[in-house]
């Protein structure tokens, strides 16, 4: 399925705008900041922090698979 909107029609042309499937929907993104740059001085700071531990690692919990 292709979503598009017809913008104009004349004797020789049809002008359309293709609409992405997520148009009009709220989107959430998960991002990792790897560098911050000052827009004036162009000084760049690299961010290399270790990500937080997973919940099991945070409480030092060893998860073992259940026996069959």
PDB file of N, CA and C in Angstrom:
ATOM      1  N   UNK A   1       0.839  -1.169   0.000  1.00  0.00           N
ATOM      2  CA  UNK A   1       0.000   0.000   0.000  1.00  0.00           C
ATOM      3  C   UNK A   1       0.889   1.238   0.000  1.00  0.00           C
ATOM      4  N   UNK A   2       0.537   2.197  -0.803  1.00  0.00           N
ATOM      5  CA  UNK A   2       1.301   3.429  -0.928  1.00  0.00           C
ATOM      6  C   UNK A   2       0.396   4.600  -0.599  1.00  0.00           C
ATOM      7  N   UNK A   3       0.766   5.390   0.408  1.00  0.00           N
ATOM      8  CA  UNK A   3      -0.020   6.558   0.781  1.00  0.00           C
ATOM      9  C   UNK A   3       0.523   7.778   0.062  1.00  0.00           C
ATOM     10  N   UNK A   4      -0.353   8.501  -0.607  1.00  0.00           N
ATOM     11  CA  UNK A   4       0.060   9.738  -1.261  1.00  0.00           C
ATOM     12  C   UNK A   4      -1.092  10.716  -1.286  1.00  0.00           C
ATOM     13  N   UNK A   5      -0.732  11.980  -1.460  1.00  0.00           N
ATOM     14  CA  UNK A   5      -1.738  13.044  -1.543  1.00  0.00           C
ATOM     15  C   UNK A   5      -1.563  13.741  -2.881  1.00  0.00           C
ATOM     16  N   UNK A   6      -2.638  13.911  -3.613  1.00  0.00           N
ATOM     17  CA  UNK A   6      -2.594  14.635  -4.888  1.00  0.00           C
ATOM     18  C   UNK A   6      -2.618  16.125  -4.580  1.00  0.00           C
ATOM     19  N   UNK A   7      -1.581  16.839  -5.050  1.00  0.00           N
ATOM     20  CA  UNK A   7      -1.461  18.268  -4.783  1.00  0.00           C
ATOM     21  C   UNK A   7      -1.972  19.127  -5.930  1.00  0.00           C
ATOM     22  N   UNK A   8      -1.747  18.688  -7.161  1.00  0.00           N
ATOM     23  CA  UNK A   8      -2.168  19.490  -8.313  1.00  0.00           C
ATOM     24  C   UNK A   8      -2.326  18.590  -9.530  1.00  0.00           C
ATOM     25  N   UNK A   9      -3.240  18.984 -10.408  1.00  0.00           N
ATOM     26  CA  UNK A   9      -3.476  18.251 -11.654  1.00  0.00           C
ATOM     27  C   UNK A   9      -3.646  19.285 -12.767  1.00  0.00           C
ATOM     28  N   UNK A  10      -2.926  19.063 -13.885  1.00  0.00           N
ATOM     29  CA  UNK A  10      -3.170  19.887 -15.066  1.00  0.00           C
ATOM     30  C   UNK A  10      -3.253  18.954 -16.270  1.00  0.00           C
ATOM     31  N   UNK A  11      -3.220  19.501 -17.481  1.00  0.00           N
ATOM     32  CA  UNK A  11      -3.388  18.689 -18.687  1.00  0.00           C
ATOM     33  C   UNK A  11      -2.287  17.650 -18.878  1.00  0.00           C
ATOM     34  N   UNK A  12      -1.071  17.941 -18.384  1.00  0.00           N
ATOM     35  CA  UNK A  12       0.057  17.049 -18.655  1.00  0.00           C
ATOM     36  C   UNK A  12       0.675  16.432 -17.409  1.00  0.00           C
ATOM     37  N   UNK A  13       0.401  16.978 -16.222  1.00  0.00           N
ATOM     38  CA  UNK A  13       1.100  16.530 -15.021  1.00  0.00           C
ATOM     39  C   UNK A  13       0.138  16.330 -13.851  1.00  0.00           C
ATOM     40  N   UNK A  14       0.535  15.420 -12.988  1.00  0.00           N
ATOM     41  CA  UNK A  14      -0.114  15.237 -11.689  1.00  0.00           C
ATOM     42  C   UNK A  14       0.995  15.363 -10.647  1.00  0.00           C
ATOM     43  N   UNK A  15       0.839  16.277  -9.718  1.00  0.00           N
ATOM     44  CA  UNK A  15       1.825  16.462  -8.659  1.00  0.00           C
ATOM     45  C   UNK A  15       1.295  15.810  -7.393  1.00  0.00           C
ATOM     46  N   UNK A  16       2.108  14.917  -6.821  1.00  0.00           N
ATOM     47  CA  UNK A  16       1.701  14.190  -5.620  1.00  0.00           C
ATOM     48  C   UNK A  16       2.764  14.340  -4.546  1.00  0.00           C
ATOM     49  N   UNK A  17       2.367  14.092  -3.305  1.00  0.00           N
ATOM     50  CA  UNK A  17       3.313  14.034  -2.182  1.00  0.00           C
ATOM     51  C   UNK A  17       3.172  12.655  -1.573  1.00  0.00           C
ATOM     52  N   UNK A  18       4.284  11.928  -1.514  1.00  0.00           N
ATOM     53  CA  UNK A  18       4.280  10.613  -0.884  1.00  0.00           C
ATOM     54  C   UNK A  18       4.255  10.792   0.625  1.00  0.00           C
ATOM     55  N   UNK A  19       3.405  10.047   1.293  1.00  0.00           N
ATOM     56  CA  UNK A  19       3.274  10.141   2.742  1.00  0.00           C
ATOM     57  C   UNK A  19       3.886   8.897   3.380  1.00  0.00           C
ATOM     58  N   UNK A  20       4.853   9.082   4.268  1.00  0.00           N
ATOM     59  CA  UNK A  20       5.434   7.913   4.925  1.00  0.00           C
ATOM     60  C   UNK A  20       4.399   7.225   5.809  1.00  0.00           C
ATOM     61  N   UNK A  21       4.538   5.925   6.050  1.00  0.00           N
ATOM     62  CA  UNK A  21       3.529   5.190   6.815  1.00  0.00           C
ATOM     63  C   UNK A  21       3.363   5.685   8.246  1.00  0.00           C
ATOM     64  N   UNK A  22       4.364   6.362   8.803  1.00  0.00           N
ATOM     65  CA  UNK A  22       4.266   6.841  10.181  1.00  0.00           C
ATOM     66  C   UNK A  22       3.895   8.318  10.257  1.00  0.00           C
ATOM     67  N   UNK A  23       3.458   8.910   9.159  1.00  0.00           N
ATOM     68  CA  UNK A  23       3.080  10.325   9.160  1.00  0.00           C
ATOM     69  C   UNK A  23       1.940  10.551  10.141  1.00  0.00           C
ATOM     70  N   UNK A  24       2.082  11.573  10.992  1.00  0.00           N
ATOM     71  CA  UNK A  24       1.039  11.913  11.947  1.00  0.00           C
ATOM     72  C   UNK A  24       1.040  11.089  13.219  1.00  0.00           C
ATOM     73  N   UNK A  25       1.984  10.164  13.366  1.00  0.00           N
ATOM     74  CA  UNK A  25       2.052   9.327  14.566  1.00  0.00           C
ATOM     75  C   UNK A  25       3.149   9.838  15.490  1.00  0.00           C
ATOM     76  N   UNK A  26       2.968   9.634  16.797  1.00  0.00           N
ATOM     77  CA  UNK A  26       4.008   9.963  17.764  1.00  0.00           C
ATOM     78  C   UNK A  26       5.098   8.898  17.689  1.00  0.00           C
ATOM     79  N   UNK A  27       6.347   9.329  17.675  1.00  0.00           N
ATOM     80  CA  UNK A  27       7.475   8.407  17.608  1.00  0.00           C
ATOM     81  C   UNK A  27       8.342   8.587  18.840  1.00  0.00           C
ATOM     82  N   UNK A  28       8.909   7.512  19.324  1.00  0.00           N
ATOM     83  CA  UNK A  28       9.857   7.552  20.441  1.00  0.00           C
ATOM     84  C   UNK A  28      11.159   6.933  19.953  1.00  0.00           C
ATOM     85  N   UNK A  29      12.270   7.590  20.227  1.00  0.00           N
ATOM     86  CA  UNK A  29      13.574   7.102  19.804  1.00  0.00           C
ATOM     87  C   UNK A  29      14.453   6.866  21.017  1.00  0.00           C
ATOM     88  N   UNK A  30      15.244   5.831  20.967  1.00  0.00           N
ATOM     89  CA  UNK A  30      16.243   5.554  21.980  1.00  0.00           C
ATOM     90  C   UNK A  30      17.584   5.930  21.349  1.00  0.00           C
ATOM     91  N   UNK A  31      18.291   6.881  21.960  1.00  0.00           N
ATOM     92  CA  UNK A  31      19.542   7.365  21.378  1.00  0.00           C
ATOM     93  C   UNK A  31      20.670   7.277  22.394  1.00  0.00           C
ATOM     94  N   UNK A  32      21.882   7.280  21.883  1.00  0.00           N
ATOM     95  CA  UNK A  32      23.072   7.341  22.722  1.00  0.00           C
ATOM     96  C   UNK A  32      23.891   8.531  22.258  1.00  0.00           C
ATOM     97  N   UNK A  33      24.202   9.443  23.176  1.00  0.00           N
ATOM     98  CA  UNK A  33      25.008  10.615  22.855  1.00  0.00           C
ATOM     99  C   UNK A  33      26.468  10.186  22.877  1.00  0.00           C
ATOM    100  N   UNK A  34      27.167  10.404  21.750  1.00  0.00           N
ATOM    101  CA  UNK A  34      28.576  10.010  21.697  1.00  0.00           C
ATOM    102  C   UNK A  34      29.515  11.212  21.651  1.00  0.00           C
ATOM    103  N   UNK A  35      28.984  12.385  21.315  1.00  0.00           N
ATOM    104  CA  UNK A  35      29.825  13.577  21.292  1.00  0.00           C
ATOM    105  C   UNK A  35      28.945  14.810  21.419  1.00  0.00           C
ATOM    106  N   UNK A  36      29.510  15.842  22.041  1.00  0.00           N
ATOM    107  CA  UNK A  36      28.840  17.129  22.174  1.00  0.00           C
ATOM    108  C   UNK A  36      29.791  18.182  21.623  1.00  0.00           C
ATOM    109  N   UNK A  37      29.301  19.027  20.714  1.00  0.00           N
ATOM    110  CA  UNK A  37      30.147  20.040  20.094  1.00  0.00           C
ATOM    111  C   UNK A  37      29.554  21.424  20.311  1.00  0.00           C
ATOM    112  N   UNK A  38      30.419  22.372  20.751  1.00  0.00           N
ATOM    113  CA  UNK A  38      29.998  23.762  20.912  1.00  0.00           C
ATOM    114  C   UNK A  38      29.839  24.367  19.520  1.00  0.00           C
ATOM    115  N   UNK A  39      28.657  24.934  19.196  1.00  0.00           N
ATOM    116  CA  UNK A  39      28.439  25.451  17.844  1.00  0.00           C
ATOM    117  C   UNK A  39      29.269  26.688  17.512  1.00  0.00           C
ATOM    118  N   UNK A  40      29.800  27.390  18.514  1.00  0.00           N
ATOM    119  CA  UNK A  40      30.587  28.591  18.254  1.00  0.00           C
ATOM    120  C   UNK A  40      32.068  28.258  18.141  1.00  0.00           C
ATOM    121  N   UNK A  41      32.606  27.615  19.171  1.00  0.00           N
ATOM    122  CA  UNK A  41      34.050  27.337  19.189  1.00  0.00           C
ATOM    123  C   UNK A  41      34.401  26.014  18.509  1.00  0.00           C
ATOM    124  N   UNK A  42      33.420  25.191  18.254  1.00  0.00           N
ATOM    125  CA  UNK A  42      33.599  23.860  17.650  1.00  0.00           C
ATOM    126  C   UNK A  42      34.456  22.942  18.511  1.00  0.00           C
ATOM    127  N   UNK A  43      34.527  23.247  19.815  1.00  0.00           N
ATOM    128  CA  UNK A  43      35.206  22.351  20.749  1.00  0.00           C
ATOM    129  C   UNK A  43      34.301  21.145  20.938  1.00  0.00           C
ATOM    130  N   UNK A  44      34.906  19.976  20.819  1.00  0.00           N
ATOM    131  CA  UNK A  44      34.135  18.743  20.876  1.00  0.00           C
ATOM    132  C   UNK A  44      34.492  17.957  22.127  1.00  0.00           C
ATOM    133  N   UNK A  45      33.481  17.463  22.814  1.00  0.00           N
ATOM    134  CA  UNK A  45      33.678  16.628  23.986  1.00  0.00           C
ATOM    135  C   UNK A  45      33.104  15.253  23.672  1.00  0.00           C
ATOM    136  N   UNK A  46      33.926  14.232  23.832  1.00  0.00           N
ATOM    137  CA  UNK A  46      33.499  12.868  23.560  1.00  0.00           C
ATOM    138  C   UNK A  46      32.896  12.289  24.845  1.00  0.00           C
ATOM    139  N   UNK A  47      31.746  11.675  24.722  1.00  0.00           N
ATOM    140  CA  UNK A  47      31.052  11.088  25.861  1.00  0.00           C
ATOM    141  C   UNK A  47      31.249   9.584  25.790  1.00  0.00           C
ATOM    142  N   UNK A  48      32.011   9.058  26.722  1.00  0.00           N
ATOM    143  CA  UNK A  48      32.290   7.614  26.715  1.00  0.00           C
ATOM    144  C   UNK A  48      31.914   6.984  28.053  1.00  0.00           C
ATOM    145  N   UNK A  49      30.734   7.255  28.532  1.00  0.00           N
ATOM    146  CA  UNK A  49      30.297   6.667  29.795  1.00  0.00           C
ATOM    147  C   UNK A  49      29.781   5.259  29.548  1.00  0.00           C
ATOM    148  N   UNK A  50      30.074   4.378  30.495  1.00  0.00           N
ATOM    149  CA  UNK A  50      29.573   3.009  30.413  1.00  0.00           C
ATOM    150  C   UNK A  50      28.071   3.029  30.650  1.00  0.00           C
ATOM    151  N   UNK A  51      27.281   2.282  29.880  1.00  0.00           N
ATOM    152  CA  UNK A  51      25.832   2.275  30.086  1.00  0.00           C
ATOM    153  C   UNK A  51      25.487   1.675  31.444  1.00  0.00           C
ATOM    154  N   UNK A  52      24.328   2.009  31.993  1.00  0.00           N
ATOM    155  CA  UNK A  52      23.946   1.431  33.279  1.00  0.00           C
ATOM    156  C   UNK A  52      23.775  -0.078  33.150  1.00  0.00           C
ATOM    157  N   UNK A  53      23.948  -0.791  34.271  1.00  0.00           N
ATOM    158  CA  UNK A  53      23.829  -2.258  34.202  1.00  0.00           C
ATOM    159  C   UNK A  53      22.388  -2.678  33.970  1.00  0.00           C
ATOM    160  N   UNK A  54      22.237  -3.878  33.426  1.00  0.00           N
ATOM    161  CA  UNK A  54      20.912  -4.465  33.280  1.00  0.00           C
ATOM    162  C   UNK A  54      20.368  -4.779  34.673  1.00  0.00           C
ATOM    163  N   UNK A  55      19.054  -4.880  34.846  1.00  0.00           N
ATOM    164  CA  UNK A  55      18.486  -5.091  36.186  1.00  0.00           C
ATOM    165  C   UNK A  55      19.077  -6.285  36.936  1.00  0.00           C
ATOM    166  N   UNK A  56      19.266  -7.409  36.268  1.00  0.00           N
ATOM    167  CA  UNK A  56      19.841  -8.580  36.932  1.00  0.00           C
ATOM    168  C   UNK A  56      21.260  -8.325  37.396  1.00  0.00           C
ATOM    169  N   UNK A  57      22.054  -7.616  36.599  1.00  0.00           N
ATOM    170  CA  UNK A  57      23.429  -7.290  36.968  1.00  0.00           C
ATOM    171  C   UNK A  57      23.464  -6.259  38.086  1.00  0.00           C
ATOM    172  N   UNK A  58      22.500  -5.344  38.110  1.00  0.00           N
ATOM    173  CA  UNK A  58      22.486  -4.284  39.119  1.00  0.00           C
ATOM    174  C   UNK A  58      22.331  -4.853  40.521  1.00  0.00           C
ATOM    175  N   UNK A  59      21.581  -5.930  40.669  1.00  0.00           N
ATOM    176  CA  UNK A  59      21.401  -6.526  42.001  1.00  0.00           C
ATOM    177  C   UNK A  59      22.204  -7.816  42.143  1.00  0.00           C
ATOM    178  N   UNK A  60      23.134  -8.036  41.227  1.00  0.00           N
ATOM    179  CA  UNK A  60      24.023  -9.204  41.232  1.00  0.00           C
ATOM    180  C   UNK A  60      23.233 -10.501  41.296  1.00  0.00           C
ATOM    181  N   UNK A  61      22.276 -10.615  40.391  1.00  0.00           N
ATOM    182  CA  UNK A  61      21.412 -11.776  40.330  1.00  0.00           C
ATOM    183  C   UNK A  61      21.849 -12.645  39.157  1.00  0.00           C
ATOM    184  N   UNK A  62      22.158 -13.903  39.432  1.00  0.00           N
ATOM    185  CA  UNK A  62      22.514 -14.840  38.363  1.00  0.00           C
ATOM    186  C   UNK A  62      21.257 -15.587  37.944  1.00  0.00           C
ATOM    187  N   UNK A  63      20.896 -15.441  36.709  1.00  0.00           N
ATOM    188  CA  UNK A  63      19.707 -16.119  36.189  1.00  0.00           C
ATOM    189  C   UNK A  63      20.127 -17.394  35.474  1.00  0.00           C
ATOM    190  N   UNK A  64      19.547 -18.501  35.896  1.00  0.00           N
ATOM    191  CA  UNK A  64      19.852 -19.782  35.263  1.00  0.00           C
ATOM    192  C   UNK A  64      18.610 -20.256  34.537  1.00  0.00           C
ATOM    193  N   UNK A  65      18.771 -20.902  33.392  1.00  0.00           N
ATOM    194  CA  UNK A  65      17.595 -21.411  32.678  1.00  0.00           C
ATOM    195  C   UNK A  65      16.884 -22.487  33.501  1.00  0.00           C
ATOM    196  N   UNK A  66      15.563 -22.532  33.359  1.00  0.00           N
ATOM    197  CA  UNK A  66      14.785 -23.553  34.056  1.00  0.00           C
ATOM    198  C   UNK A  66      15.037 -24.910  33.430  1.00  0.00           C
ATOM    199  N   UNK A  67      15.083 -25.963  34.252  1.00  0.00           N
ATOM    200  CA  UNK A  67      15.287 -27.306  33.689  1.00  0.00           C
ATOM    201  C   UNK A  67      14.061 -27.738  32.886  1.00  0.00           C
ATOM    202  N   UNK A  68      14.315 -28.560  31.861  1.00  0.00           N
ATOM    203  CA  UNK A  68      13.206 -29.022  31.021  1.00  0.00           C
ATOM    204  C   UNK A  68      12.365 -30.055  31.702  1.00  0.00           C
TER     205      UNK A  68
END
